[in-house]
Amino acid sequence: MGGRVSVATGQMILVAGPYRSGTGDDLAKMAANVRLMEGYALPLFRAGHMPVLGEWFALPLVSLAGSRRVGDDAFNEIFHPIAERLLARCDAVLRVGGASQGADLMVSVAEARGLAVYRRLQDVAGCESCPEPCEEAS
C-alpha cells in the first residue's frame, strides 16, 4: 500500500465504472460491477481519501421510489442525476472498469468542472503502490 495523505489533503473521490453496461440488466452481474468499484474504495480510504460510489446513494432511493426494474422511470429519475449531484461535492473521479456511458459522463462532467480525473488507482496520491482490484465483474 502507498503512503497516507493527510485529512487536509485527502480528496473526496467518486469511483465511476460500469453498472449496467455489458450485463443485459442481470442483477448478479450488476452487483458484481458494484463490488468491483467497491474494491477501489478501500485502498482509497486507507490512503486518507473519502471514496464514494453513486450506487451507494442511488440504489436505496431507486427502491424507495418504487422502481420495479432497471431502466424504468423511477430508476432513470434518480440513478444518473444523483451521481451528477454527488460529483458536485467531489474533488476527483477515479474511472475504473470497462465501457460505460454513465461513467464516461461522470468523467466528462468532472473534466468540465476542472476536477482531477484518475484512470488508475496508482495515480492517486497515497495509492502509488496499491494493486488494482481483481476484475470479477462483467
C-alpha atoms as a PDB file:
ATOM      1  CA  MET A   1       0.000   0.000   0.000  1.00  0.00           C
ATOM      2  CA  GLY A   2       1.132   3.562  -0.635  1.00  0.00           C
ATOM      3  CA  GLY A   3       1.633   6.345   1.889  1.00  0.00           C
ATOM      4  CA  ARG A   4      -1.243   8.040   3.622  1.00  0.00           C
ATOM      5  CA  VAL A   5      -2.301  11.581   2.760  1.00  0.00           C
ATOM      6  CA  SER A   6      -3.428  13.953   5.484  1.00  0.00           C
ATOM      7  CA  VAL A   7      -7.069  14.616   6.221  1.00  0.00           C
ATOM      8  CA  ALA A   8      -6.483  18.156   4.970  1.00  0.00           C
ATOM      9  CA  THR A   9      -5.204  16.965   1.579  1.00  0.00           C
ATOM     10  CA  GLY A  10      -7.374  13.875   1.174  1.00  0.00           C
ATOM     11  CA  GLN A  11      -9.878  14.081  -1.642  1.00  0.00           C
ATOM     12  CA  MET A  12     -13.498  13.012  -1.956  1.00  0.00           C
ATOM     13  CA  ILE A  13     -13.224  10.715  -4.967  1.00  0.00           C
ATOM     14  CA  LEU A  14     -16.157   9.376  -6.974  1.00  0.00           C
ATOM     15  CA  VAL A  15     -15.371   5.851  -8.167  1.00  0.00           C
ATOM     16  CA  ALA A  16     -17.057   5.621 -11.571  1.00  0.00           C
ATOM     17  CA  GLY A  17     -17.333   2.416 -13.541  1.00  0.00           C
ATOM     18  CA  PRO A  18     -19.848   0.254 -15.346  1.00  0.00           C
ATOM     19  CA  TYR A  19     -23.057  -0.611 -13.547  1.00  0.00           C
ATOM     20  CA  ARG A  20     -25.433  -1.803 -16.285  1.00  0.00           C
ATOM     21  CA  SER A  21     -23.066  -1.876 -19.263  1.00  0.00           C
ATOM     22  CA  GLY A  22     -22.486  -5.353 -20.601  1.00  0.00           C
ATOM     23  CA  THR A  23     -24.798  -7.002 -18.068  1.00  0.00           C
ATOM     24  CA  GLY A  24     -28.030  -7.390 -20.022  1.00  0.00           C
ATOM     25  CA  ASP A  25     -29.554  -5.973 -16.824  1.00  0.00           C
ATOM     26  CA  ASP A  26     -28.670  -9.202 -14.980  1.00  0.00           C
ATOM     27  CA  LEU A  27     -28.846  -8.317 -11.283  1.00  0.00           C
ATOM     28  CA  ALA A  28     -25.955 -10.607 -10.297  1.00  0.00           C
ATOM     29  CA  LYS A  29     -23.682  -9.039 -12.920  1.00  0.00           C
ATOM     30  CA  MET A  30     -24.659  -5.531 -11.837  1.00  0.00           C
ATOM     31  CA  ALA A  31     -23.918  -6.460  -8.205  1.00  0.00           C
ATOM     32  CA  ALA A  32     -20.505  -7.762  -9.323  1.00  0.00           C
ATOM     33  CA  ASN A  33     -19.849  -4.421 -11.018  1.00  0.00           C
ATOM     34  CA  VAL A  34     -20.629  -2.609  -7.753  1.00  0.00           C
ATOM     35  CA  ARG A  35     -18.306  -4.974  -5.852  1.00  0.00           C
ATOM     36  CA  LEU A  36     -15.521  -4.186  -8.304  1.00  0.00           C
ATOM     37  CA  MET A  37     -15.979  -0.440  -7.767  1.00  0.00           C
ATOM     38  CA  GLU A  38     -16.097  -1.028  -4.008  1.00  0.00           C
ATOM     39  CA  GLY A  39     -12.772  -2.827  -4.319  1.00  0.00           C
ATOM     40  CA  TYR A  40     -11.250   0.552  -5.172  1.00  0.00           C
ATOM     41  CA  ALA A  41     -12.931   2.282  -2.233  1.00  0.00           C
ATOM     42  CA  LEU A  42     -10.957   0.523   0.493  1.00  0.00           C
ATOM     43  CA  PRO A  43      -7.451   1.423  -0.725  1.00  0.00           C
ATOM     44  CA  LEU A  44      -8.624   5.000  -1.342  1.00  0.00           C
ATOM     45  CA  PHE A  45      -9.945   5.193   2.216  1.00  0.00           C
ATOM     46  CA  ARG A  46      -6.807   3.648   3.680  1.00  0.00           C
ATOM     47  CA  ALA A  47      -4.744   6.241   1.791  1.00  0.00           C
ATOM     48  CA  GLY A  48      -6.667   9.056   3.513  1.00  0.00           C
ATOM     49  CA  HIS A  49      -9.304   9.829   0.890  1.00  0.00           C
ATOM     50  CA  MET A  50     -13.100   9.712   1.099  1.00  0.00           C
ATOM     51  CA  PRO A  51     -14.305   7.319  -1.625  1.00  0.00           C
ATOM     52  CA  VAL A  52     -17.920   7.427  -2.797  1.00  0.00           C
ATOM     53  CA  LEU A  53     -19.971   5.494  -5.335  1.00  0.00           C
ATOM     54  CA  GLY A  54     -23.096   6.922  -6.896  1.00  0.00           C
ATOM     55  CA  GLU A  55     -24.671   3.496  -6.448  1.00  0.00           C
ATOM     56  CA  TRP A  56     -24.396   3.815  -2.655  1.00  0.00           C
ATOM     57  CA  PHE A  57     -26.744   6.790  -2.847  1.00  0.00           C
ATOM     58  CA  ALA A  58     -28.868   5.897  -5.856  1.00  0.00           C
ATOM     59  CA  LEU A  59     -29.867   2.287  -5.268  1.00  0.00           C
ATOM     60  CA  PRO A  60     -31.684   2.792  -1.940  1.00  0.00           C
ATOM     61  CA  LEU A  61     -33.545   5.796  -3.353  1.00  0.00           C
ATOM     62  CA  VAL A  62     -34.427   3.946  -6.561  1.00  0.00           C
ATOM     63  CA  SER A  63     -36.003   1.246  -4.416  1.00  0.00           C
ATOM     64  CA  LEU A  64     -37.875   3.778  -2.277  1.00  0.00           C
ATOM     65  CA  ALA A  65     -39.136   5.484  -5.448  1.00  0.00           C
ATOM     66  CA  GLY A  66     -40.845   2.234  -6.426  1.00  0.00           C
ATOM     67  CA  SER A  67     -38.594   1.090  -9.251  1.00  0.00           C
ATOM     68  CA  ARG A  68     -39.555  -2.369 -10.436  1.00  0.00           C
ATOM     69  CA  ARG A  69     -36.746  -2.869 -12.940  1.00  0.00           C
ATOM     70  CA  VAL A  70     -33.514  -1.258 -14.037  1.00  0.00           C
ATOM     71  CA  GLY A  71     -34.203   1.478 -16.556  1.00  0.00           C
ATOM     72  CA  ASP A  72     -37.812   2.196 -15.578  1.00  0.00           C
ATOM     73  CA  ASP A  73     -38.978   5.758 -14.896  1.00  0.00           C
ATOM     74  CA  ALA A  74     -38.220   5.657 -11.160  1.00  0.00           C
ATOM     75  CA  PHE A  75     -34.718   4.307 -11.851  1.00  0.00           C
ATOM     76  CA  ASN A  76     -34.000   6.912 -14.529  1.00  0.00           C
ATOM     77  CA  GLU A  77     -35.330   9.724 -12.337  1.00  0.00           C
ATOM     78  CA  ILE A  78     -32.625   9.033  -9.764  1.00  0.00           C
ATOM     79  CA  PHE A  79     -29.704   6.924 -10.955  1.00  0.00           C
ATOM     80  CA  HIS A  80     -27.570   9.277 -13.078  1.00  0.00           C
ATOM     81  CA  PRO A  81     -28.896  12.567 -11.658  1.00  0.00           C
ATOM     82  CA  ILE A  82     -27.805  11.614  -8.136  1.00  0.00           C
ATOM     83  CA  ALA A  83     -24.327  10.779  -9.392  1.00  0.00           C
ATOM     84  CA  GLU A  84     -24.104  14.214 -11.002  1.00  0.00           C
ATOM     85  CA  ARG A  85     -25.237  15.864  -7.747  1.00  0.00           C
ATOM     86  CA  LEU A  86     -22.717  13.815  -5.814  1.00  0.00           C
ATOM     87  CA  LEU A  87     -19.978  14.777  -8.244  1.00  0.00           C
ATOM     88  CA  ALA A  88     -20.675  18.448  -7.455  1.00  0.00           C
ATOM     89  CA  ARG A  89     -19.323  17.692  -3.953  1.00  0.00           C
ATOM     90  CA  CYS A  90     -16.303  15.661  -5.091  1.00  0.00           C
ATOM     91  CA  ASP A  91     -12.723  16.666  -5.750  1.00  0.00           C
ATOM     92  CA  ALA A  92     -11.960  13.945  -8.280  1.00  0.00           C
ATOM     93  CA  VAL A  93     -13.145  10.915 -10.234  1.00  0.00           C
ATOM     94  CA  LEU A  94     -11.450   7.544 -10.451  1.00  0.00           C
ATOM     95  CA  ARG A  95     -12.654   5.928 -13.704  1.00  0.00           C
ATOM     96  CA  VAL A  96     -12.470   2.141 -13.444  1.00  0.00           C
ATOM     97  CA  GLY A  97     -13.621  -0.907 -15.357  1.00  0.00           C
ATOM     98  CA  GLY A  98     -14.772  -1.257 -18.925  1.00  0.00           C
ATOM     99  CA  ALA A  99     -17.122   0.556 -21.255  1.00  0.00           C
ATOM    100  CA  SER A 100     -19.808   2.654 -19.581  1.00  0.00           C
ATOM    101  CA  GLN A 101     -21.710   5.629 -20.909  1.00  0.00           C
ATOM    102  CA  GLY A 102     -22.648   6.684 -17.369  1.00  0.00           C
ATOM    103  CA  ALA A 103     -19.084   6.528 -16.059  1.00  0.00           C
ATOM    104  CA  ASP A 104     -17.845   8.355 -19.146  1.00  0.00           C
ATOM    105  CA  LEU A 105     -20.474  11.038 -18.493  1.00  0.00           C
ATOM    106  CA  MET A 106     -19.114  11.485 -14.953  1.00  0.00           C
ATOM    107  CA  VAL A 107     -15.603  11.880 -16.392  1.00  0.00           C
ATOM    108  CA  SER A 108     -16.832  14.497 -18.888  1.00  0.00           C
ATOM    109  CA  VAL A 109     -18.645  16.439 -16.175  1.00  0.00           C
ATOM    110  CA  ALA A 110     -15.599  16.252 -13.899  1.00  0.00           C
ATOM    111  CA  GLU A 111     -13.297  17.479 -16.650  1.00  0.00           C
ATOM    112  CA  ALA A 112     -15.672  20.343 -17.473  1.00  0.00           C
ATOM    113  CA  ARG A 113     -15.609  21.341 -13.799  1.00  0.00           C
ATOM    114  CA  GLY A 114     -11.815  21.188 -13.678  1.00  0.00           C
ATOM    115  CA  LEU A 115     -11.726  18.219 -11.297  1.00  0.00           C
ATOM    116  CA  ALA A 116      -8.934  15.674 -11.255  1.00  0.00           C
ATOM    117  CA  VAL A 117      -9.674  12.512 -13.238  1.00  0.00           C
ATOM    118  CA  TYR A 118      -7.665   9.412 -12.434  1.00  0.00           C
ATOM    119  CA  ARG A 119      -7.666   6.351 -14.662  1.00  0.00           C
ATOM    120  CA  ARG A 120      -5.528   4.109 -12.456  1.00  0.00           C
ATOM    121  CA  LEU A 121      -5.574   3.648  -8.707  1.00  0.00           C
ATOM    122  CA  GLN A 122      -1.796   4.152  -8.658  1.00  0.00           C
ATOM    123  CA  ASP A 123      -2.220   7.698  -9.987  1.00  0.00           C
ATOM    124  CA  VAL A 124      -3.991   8.765  -6.773  1.00  0.00           C
ATOM    125  CA  ALA A 125      -1.801  10.222  -4.010  1.00  0.00           C
ATOM    126  CA  GLY A 126      -1.139   7.608  -1.365  1.00  0.00           C
ATOM    127  CA  CYS A 127      -2.115   4.720  -3.657  1.00  0.00           C
ATOM    128  CA  GLU A 128       1.060   4.579  -5.754  1.00  0.00           C
ATOM    129  CA  SER A 129       1.868   1.005  -4.719  1.00  0.00           C
ATOM    130  CA  CYS A 130      -1.687  -0.287  -4.349  1.00  0.00           C
ATOM    131  CA  PRO A 131      -2.654  -3.183  -6.638  1.00  0.00           C
ATOM    132  CA  GLU A 132      -5.694  -2.809  -8.844  1.00  0.00           C
ATOM    133  CA  PRO A 133      -8.668  -4.822  -7.551  1.00  0.00           C
ATOM    134  CA  CYS A 134      -9.406  -8.009  -9.474  1.00  0.00           C
ATOM    135  CA  GLU A 135     -11.926  -7.698 -12.286  1.00  0.00           C
ATOM    136  CA  GLU A 136     -14.530 -10.291 -11.463  1.00  0.00           C
ATOM    137  CA  ALA A 137     -17.353  -8.231 -12.951  1.00  0.00           C
ATOM    138  CA  SER A 138     -18.661  -8.386 -16.481  1.00  0.00           C
END
